[in-house]
Amino acid sequence: MNSLLEPAPDFDQPLAVLKHCHGKIRKQLATLDKLVAHLETHGAGVEVRQAATGVLRYFRDAAPNHHADEEEDLLPLLRQVAAGDDAALLAELAPAIETDHRQMEAAWATLEGPLQRLAAGEAASLPRQDVERFARLYGQHMEKEEMHITPMAQRLFTPGQMEGLGQAMLARRGLGGKQGGADVAR
């Protein structure tokens, strides 16, 4: 059977799961952008409720897990194994990544209330500048990780460390030792 959807990686490939999450974040950011345009021209309706519900679900449930994966597991493991230039780059980037998370969480707080109202079928405005700021913060953040952190981890982690990272990510999502694609775990 051919699936129209790209299969999500299993947690035995934790860096692929993190990359897959970035793809999902980009899709949710695109939905937010479309939502602003739709509200400006058409107002609220069923499509708005559905879109707002999906964006809320992702950024309330999945994004915090993704941030925790990085802060509690990926970055600490990199700190253990990085040396020389890698350690210097990590010393610069890790605090910036953690600061990015706090900034993205604050930007999300400005969007969550209006999205909750829209998801409930109530009238609300979703300021374009707030959505653009949120998207810009996430875009810059993901670029740092994809350009530097993920390649470093790919190069430095042993198979056992990769397995440990994947197991920690599964446990965070309450899946224990179950394998399944990243879509299962959000």
C-alpha atoms as a PDB file:
ATOM      1  CA  MET A   1       0.000   0.000   0.000  1.00  0.00           C
ATOM      2  CA  ASN A   2       1.396   3.393  -0.977  1.00  0.00           C
ATOM      3  CA  SER A   3       0.922   6.097   1.592  1.00  0.00           C
ATOM      4  CA  LEU A   4       0.422   9.684   0.534  1.00  0.00           C
ATOM      5  CA  LEU A   5       2.023  10.786   3.778  1.00  0.00           C
ATOM      6  CA  GLU A   6       5.739  10.711   4.424  1.00  0.00           C
ATOM      7  CA  PRO A   7       6.377   8.105   7.112  1.00  0.00           C
ATOM      8  CA  ALA A   8       7.660   9.446  10.402  1.00  0.00           C
ATOM      9  CA  PRO A   9      10.998   8.125  11.596  1.00  0.00           C
ATOM     10  CA  ASP A  10      11.183   5.779  14.554  1.00  0.00           C
ATOM     11  CA  PHE A  11      12.809   6.839  17.803  1.00  0.00           C
ATOM     12  CA  ASP A  12      15.761   4.580  17.045  1.00  0.00           C
ATOM     13  CA  GLN A  13      16.688   7.532  14.803  1.00  0.00           C
ATOM     14  CA  PRO A  14      16.263  10.372  17.321  1.00  0.00           C
ATOM     15  CA  LEU A  15      17.950  13.044  15.203  1.00  0.00           C
ATOM     16  CA  ALA A  16      15.629  12.171  12.323  1.00  0.00           C
ATOM     17  CA  VAL A  17      12.691  12.517  14.733  1.00  0.00           C
ATOM     18  CA  LEU A  18      13.890  15.991  15.743  1.00  0.00           C
ATOM     19  CA  LYS A  19      14.258  16.948  12.069  1.00  0.00           C
ATOM     20  CA  HIS A  20      10.793  15.559  11.350  1.00  0.00           C
ATOM     21  CA  CYS A  21       9.455  17.721  14.186  1.00  0.00           C
ATOM     22  CA  HIS A  22      11.012  20.765  12.516  1.00  0.00           C
ATOM     23  CA  GLY A  23       9.079  19.917   9.372  1.00  0.00           C
ATOM     24  CA  LYS A  24       5.872  19.738  11.375  1.00  0.00           C
ATOM     25  CA  ILE A  25       6.678  23.064  13.036  1.00  0.00           C
ATOM     26  CA  ARG A  26       7.144  24.652   9.612  1.00  0.00           C
ATOM     27  CA  LYS A  27       3.752  23.288   8.513  1.00  0.00           C
ATOM     28  CA  GLN A  28       2.069  24.691  11.631  1.00  0.00           C
ATOM     29  CA  LEU A  29       3.744  28.069  11.081  1.00  0.00           C
ATOM     30  CA  ALA A  30       2.460  28.055   7.494  1.00  0.00           C
ATOM     31  CA  THR A  31      -1.021  27.260   8.817  1.00  0.00           C
ATOM     32  CA  LEU A  32      -0.772  30.198  11.228  1.00  0.00           C
ATOM     33  CA  ASP A  33       0.190  32.490   8.354  1.00  0.00           C
ATOM     34  CA  LYS A  34      -2.742  31.230   6.263  1.00  0.00           C
ATOM     35  CA  LEU A  35      -5.027  31.625   9.263  1.00  0.00           C
ATOM     36  CA  VAL A  36      -4.158  35.327   9.593  1.00  0.00           C
ATOM     37  CA  ALA A  37      -4.840  35.910   5.891  1.00  0.00           C
ATOM     38  CA  HIS A  38      -8.089  33.936   6.041  1.00  0.00           C
ATOM     39  CA  LEU A  39      -9.307  35.890   9.067  1.00  0.00           C
ATOM     40  CA  GLU A  40      -8.506  39.194   7.357  1.00  0.00           C
ATOM     41  CA  THR A  41     -10.516  38.337   4.253  1.00  0.00           C
ATOM     42  CA  HIS A  42     -13.163  35.814   5.349  1.00  0.00           C
ATOM     43  CA  GLY A  43     -13.508  35.995   9.117  1.00  0.00           C
ATOM     44  CA  ALA A  44     -14.020  33.029  11.414  1.00  0.00           C
ATOM     45  CA  GLY A  45     -15.710  29.777  10.439  1.00  0.00           C
ATOM     46  CA  VAL A  46     -15.311  26.019  10.516  1.00  0.00           C
ATOM     47  CA  GLU A  47     -11.947  26.084   8.718  1.00  0.00           C
ATOM     48  CA  VAL A  48     -10.623  28.631  11.213  1.00  0.00           C
ATOM     49  CA  ARG A  49     -11.763  26.503  14.159  1.00  0.00           C
ATOM     50  CA  GLN A  50     -10.081  23.424  12.707  1.00  0.00           C
ATOM     51  CA  ALA A  51      -6.843  25.230  11.868  1.00  0.00           C
ATOM     52  CA  ALA A  52      -6.672  26.940  15.266  1.00  0.00           C
ATOM     53  CA  THR A  53      -7.298  23.605  17.009  1.00  0.00           C
ATOM     54  CA  GLY A  54      -4.457  21.933  15.102  1.00  0.00           C
ATOM     55  CA  VAL A  55      -1.994  24.742  15.797  1.00  0.00           C
ATOM     56  CA  LEU A  56      -2.946  24.777  19.482  1.00  0.00           C
ATOM     57  CA  ARG A  57      -2.519  21.020  19.772  1.00  0.00           C
ATOM     58  CA  TYR A  58       0.924  21.103  18.216  1.00  0.00           C
ATOM     59  CA  PHE A  59       2.394  24.024  20.136  1.00  0.00           C
ATOM     60  CA  ARG A  60       0.822  23.048  23.477  1.00  0.00           C
ATOM     61  CA  ASP A  61       1.673  19.352  23.337  1.00  0.00           C
ATOM     62  CA  ALA A  62       4.455  18.585  20.875  1.00  0.00           C
ATOM     63  CA  ALA A  63       6.608  21.713  20.968  1.00  0.00           C
ATOM     64  CA  PRO A  64       7.283  21.519  24.727  1.00  0.00           C
ATOM     65  CA  ASN A  65       8.396  17.892  24.307  1.00  0.00           C
ATOM     66  CA  HIS A  66      10.673  18.911  21.462  1.00  0.00           C
ATOM     67  CA  HIS A  67      12.236  21.695  23.535  1.00  0.00           C
ATOM     68  CA  ALA A  68      12.719  19.299  26.456  1.00  0.00           C
ATOM     69  CA  ASP A  69      14.331  16.740  24.127  1.00  0.00           C
ATOM     70  CA  GLU A  70      16.912  19.345  23.268  1.00  0.00           C
ATOM     71  CA  GLU A  71      17.460  20.908  26.686  1.00  0.00           C
ATOM     72  CA  GLU A  72      17.296  17.808  28.867  1.00  0.00           C
ATOM     73  CA  ASP A  73      18.870  15.205  26.607  1.00  0.00           C
ATOM     74  CA  LEU A  74      20.464  16.368  23.338  1.00  0.00           C
ATOM     75  CA  LEU A  75      22.462  19.361  24.622  1.00  0.00           C
ATOM     76  CA  PRO A  76      23.657  17.693  27.851  1.00  0.00           C
ATOM     77  CA  LEU A  77      24.818  14.655  25.877  1.00  0.00           C
ATOM     78  CA  LEU A  78      26.637  16.905  23.419  1.00  0.00           C
ATOM     79  CA  ARG A  79      28.322  18.693  26.334  1.00  0.00           C
ATOM     80  CA  GLN A  80      29.646  15.318  27.495  1.00  0.00           C
ATOM     81  CA  VAL A  81      31.223  14.388  24.172  1.00  0.00           C
ATOM     82  CA  ALA A  82      32.141  17.659  22.437  1.00  0.00           C
ATOM     83  CA  ALA A  83      35.789  18.687  22.476  1.00  0.00           C
ATOM     84  CA  GLY A  84      37.913  21.387  20.854  1.00  0.00           C
ATOM     85  CA  ASP A  85      36.084  23.451  18.240  1.00  0.00           C
ATOM     86  CA  ASP A  86      32.881  21.487  18.810  1.00  0.00           C
ATOM     87  CA  ALA A  87      32.943  22.316  22.527  1.00  0.00           C
ATOM     88  CA  ALA A  88      33.585  25.994  21.781  1.00  0.00           C
ATOM     89  CA  LEU A  89      30.713  26.165  19.297  1.00  0.00           C
ATOM     90  CA  LEU A  90      28.420  24.313  21.688  1.00  0.00           C
ATOM     91  CA  ALA A  91      29.340  26.697  24.526  1.00  0.00           C
ATOM     92  CA  GLU A  92      28.154  29.530  22.291  1.00  0.00           C
ATOM     93  CA  LEU A  93      25.062  27.886  20.814  1.00  0.00           C
ATOM     94  CA  ALA A  94      23.556  25.924  23.727  1.00  0.00           C
ATOM     95  CA  PRO A  95      22.694  29.009  25.837  1.00  0.00           C
ATOM     96  CA  ALA A  96      21.332  30.719  22.710  1.00  0.00           C
ATOM     97  CA  ILE A  97      19.118  27.713  21.957  1.00  0.00           C
ATOM     98  CA  GLU A  98      17.768  27.696  25.509  1.00  0.00           C
ATOM     99  CA  THR A  99      17.148  31.469  25.304  1.00  0.00           C
ATOM    100  CA  ASP A 100      15.371  30.911  21.985  1.00  0.00           C
ATOM    101  CA  HIS A 101      13.050  28.427  23.703  1.00  0.00           C
ATOM    102  CA  ARG A 102      12.102  31.002  26.344  1.00  0.00           C
ATOM    103  CA  GLN A 103      11.507  33.664  23.662  1.00  0.00           C
ATOM    104  CA  MET A 104       9.389  31.283  21.587  1.00  0.00           C
ATOM    105  CA  GLU A 105       7.381  30.313  24.663  1.00  0.00           C
ATOM    106  CA  ALA A 106       6.738  34.011  25.430  1.00  0.00           C
ATOM    107  CA  ALA A 107       5.734  34.654  21.813  1.00  0.00           C
ATOM    108  CA  TRP A 108       3.438  31.625  21.946  1.00  0.00           C
ATOM    109  CA  ALA A 109       1.752  33.044  25.055  1.00  0.00           C
ATOM    110  CA  THR A 110       0.569  36.025  22.985  1.00  0.00           C
ATOM    111  CA  LEU A 111      -0.966  33.716  20.370  1.00  0.00           C
ATOM    112  CA  GLU A 112      -2.459  30.996  22.543  1.00  0.00           C
ATOM    113  CA  GLY A 113      -5.399  33.014  23.924  1.00  0.00           C
ATOM    114  CA  PRO A 114      -6.660  34.236  20.541  1.00  0.00           C
ATOM    115  CA  LEU A 115      -6.199  30.751  19.086  1.00  0.00           C
ATOM    116  CA  GLN A 116      -8.194  29.225  21.954  1.00  0.00           C
ATOM    117  CA  ARG A 117     -11.026  31.665  21.253  1.00  0.00           C
ATOM    118  CA  LEU A 118     -10.919  30.918  17.526  1.00  0.00           C
ATOM    119  CA  ALA A 119     -10.888  27.162  18.191  1.00  0.00           C
ATOM    120  CA  ALA A 120     -13.970  27.619  20.375  1.00  0.00           C
ATOM    121  CA  GLY A 121     -15.742  29.407  17.519  1.00  0.00           C
ATOM    122  CA  GLU A 122     -15.460  32.838  19.128  1.00  0.00           C
ATOM    123  CA  ALA A 123     -14.347  36.005  17.422  1.00  0.00           C
ATOM    124  CA  ALA A 124     -10.721  36.943  17.997  1.00  0.00           C
ATOM    125  CA  SER A 125      -7.992  38.773  16.197  1.00  0.00           C
ATOM    126  CA  LEU A 126      -4.692  37.153  15.440  1.00  0.00           C
ATOM    127  CA  PRO A 127      -2.219  40.005  14.947  1.00  0.00           C
ATOM    128  CA  ARG A 128      -0.009  39.436  11.907  1.00  0.00           C
ATOM    129  CA  GLN A 129       3.027  40.961  13.648  1.00  0.00           C
ATOM    130  CA  ASP A 130       2.731  38.447  16.513  1.00  0.00           C
ATOM    131  CA  VAL A 131       2.500  35.514  14.094  1.00  0.00           C
ATOM    132  CA  GLU A 132       5.428  36.848  12.052  1.00  0.00           C
ATOM    133  CA  ARG A 133       7.563  37.287  15.180  1.00  0.00           C
ATOM    134  CA  PHE A 134       6.742  33.738  16.336  1.00  0.00           C
ATOM    135  CA  ALA A 135       7.599  32.320  12.905  1.00  0.00           C
ATOM    136  CA  ARG A 136      10.822  34.323  12.689  1.00  0.00           C
ATOM    137  CA  LEU A 137      11.977  33.135  16.128  1.00  0.00           C
ATOM    138  CA  TYR A 138      11.283  29.505  15.237  1.00  0.00           C
ATOM    139  CA  GLY A 139      12.895  29.818  11.810  1.00  0.00           C
ATOM    140  CA  GLN A 140      16.130  31.259  13.186  1.00  0.00           C
ATOM    141  CA  HIS A 141      16.171  28.687  15.961  1.00  0.00           C
ATOM    142  CA  MET A 142      15.684  25.707  13.665  1.00  0.00           C
ATOM    143  CA  GLU A 143      18.396  26.985  11.345  1.00  0.00           C
ATOM    144  CA  LYS A 144      20.924  27.020  14.234  1.00  0.00           C
ATOM    145  CA  GLU A 145      20.047  23.480  15.146  1.00  0.00           C
ATOM    146  CA  GLU A 146      20.014  22.137  11.595  1.00  0.00           C
ATOM    147  CA  MET A 147      23.251  23.873  10.583  1.00  0.00           C
ATOM    148  CA  HIS A 148      25.280  23.118  13.705  1.00  0.00           C
ATOM    149  CA  ILE A 149      23.735  21.021  16.490  1.00  0.00           C
ATOM    150  CA  THR A 150      22.292  18.117  14.522  1.00  0.00           C
ATOM    151  CA  PRO A 151      25.389  17.605  12.344  1.00  0.00           C
ATOM    152  CA  MET A 152      27.581  17.732  15.458  1.00  0.00           C
ATOM    153  CA  ALA A 153      25.448  15.134  17.223  1.00  0.00           C
ATOM    154  CA  GLN A 154      25.395  12.954  14.097  1.00  0.00           C
ATOM    155  CA  ARG A 155      29.179  13.043  13.974  1.00  0.00           C
ATOM    156  CA  LEU A 156      29.908  12.597  17.679  1.00  0.00           C
ATOM    157  CA  PHE A 157      27.251  10.288  19.129  1.00  0.00           C
ATOM    158  CA  THR A 158      27.876   6.567  19.328  1.00  0.00           C
ATOM    159  CA  PRO A 159      25.077   4.131  18.443  1.00  0.00           C
ATOM    160  CA  GLY A 160      24.529   3.595  22.186  1.00  0.00           C
ATOM    161  CA  GLN A 161      24.177   7.316  22.801  1.00  0.00           C
ATOM    162  CA  MET A 162      21.714   7.595  19.918  1.00  0.00           C
ATOM    163  CA  GLU A 163      19.716   4.740  21.417  1.00  0.00           C
ATOM    164  CA  GLY A 164      19.723   6.415  24.834  1.00  0.00           C
ATOM    165  CA  LEU A 165      18.552   9.699  23.317  1.00  0.00           C
ATOM    166  CA  GLY A 166      15.720   7.916  21.495  1.00  0.00           C
ATOM    167  CA  GLN A 167      14.667   6.077  24.662  1.00  0.00           C
ATOM    168  CA  ALA A 168      14.604   9.342  26.640  1.00  0.00           C
ATOM    169  CA  MET A 169      12.446  10.917  23.947  1.00  0.00           C
ATOM    170  CA  LEU A 170      10.046   7.957  24.016  1.00  0.00           C
ATOM    171  CA  ALA A 171       9.814   8.088  27.810  1.00  0.00           C
ATOM    172  CA  ARG A 172       9.062  11.827  27.725  1.00  0.00           C
ATOM    173  CA  ARG A 173       6.046  11.056  25.577  1.00  0.00           C
ATOM    174  CA  GLY A 174       4.905   8.268  27.873  1.00  0.00           C
ATOM    175  CA  LEU A 175       5.688   5.596  25.312  1.00  0.00           C
ATOM    176  CA  GLY A 176       8.330   3.739  27.295  1.00  0.00           C
ATOM    177  CA  GLY A 177      10.091   1.219  25.099  1.00  0.00           C
ATOM    178  CA  LYS A 178       7.444   1.251  22.361  1.00  0.00           C
ATOM    179  CA  GLN A 179       8.747   2.153  18.962  1.00  0.00           C
ATOM    180  CA  GLY A 180       6.645   4.108  16.612  1.00  0.00           C
ATOM    181  CA  GLY A 181       6.978   6.992  14.285  1.00  0.00           C
ATOM    182  CA  ALA A 182       7.377  10.535  15.501  1.00  0.00           C
ATOM    183  CA  ASP A 183       3.773  11.243  14.532  1.00  0.00           C
ATOM    184  CA  VAL A 184       2.647   8.862  17.256  1.00  0.00           C
ATOM    185  CA  ALA A 185       4.601  10.719  19.889  1.00  0.00           C
ATOM    186  CA  ARG A 186       4.324  14.307  18.761  1.00  0.00           C
END
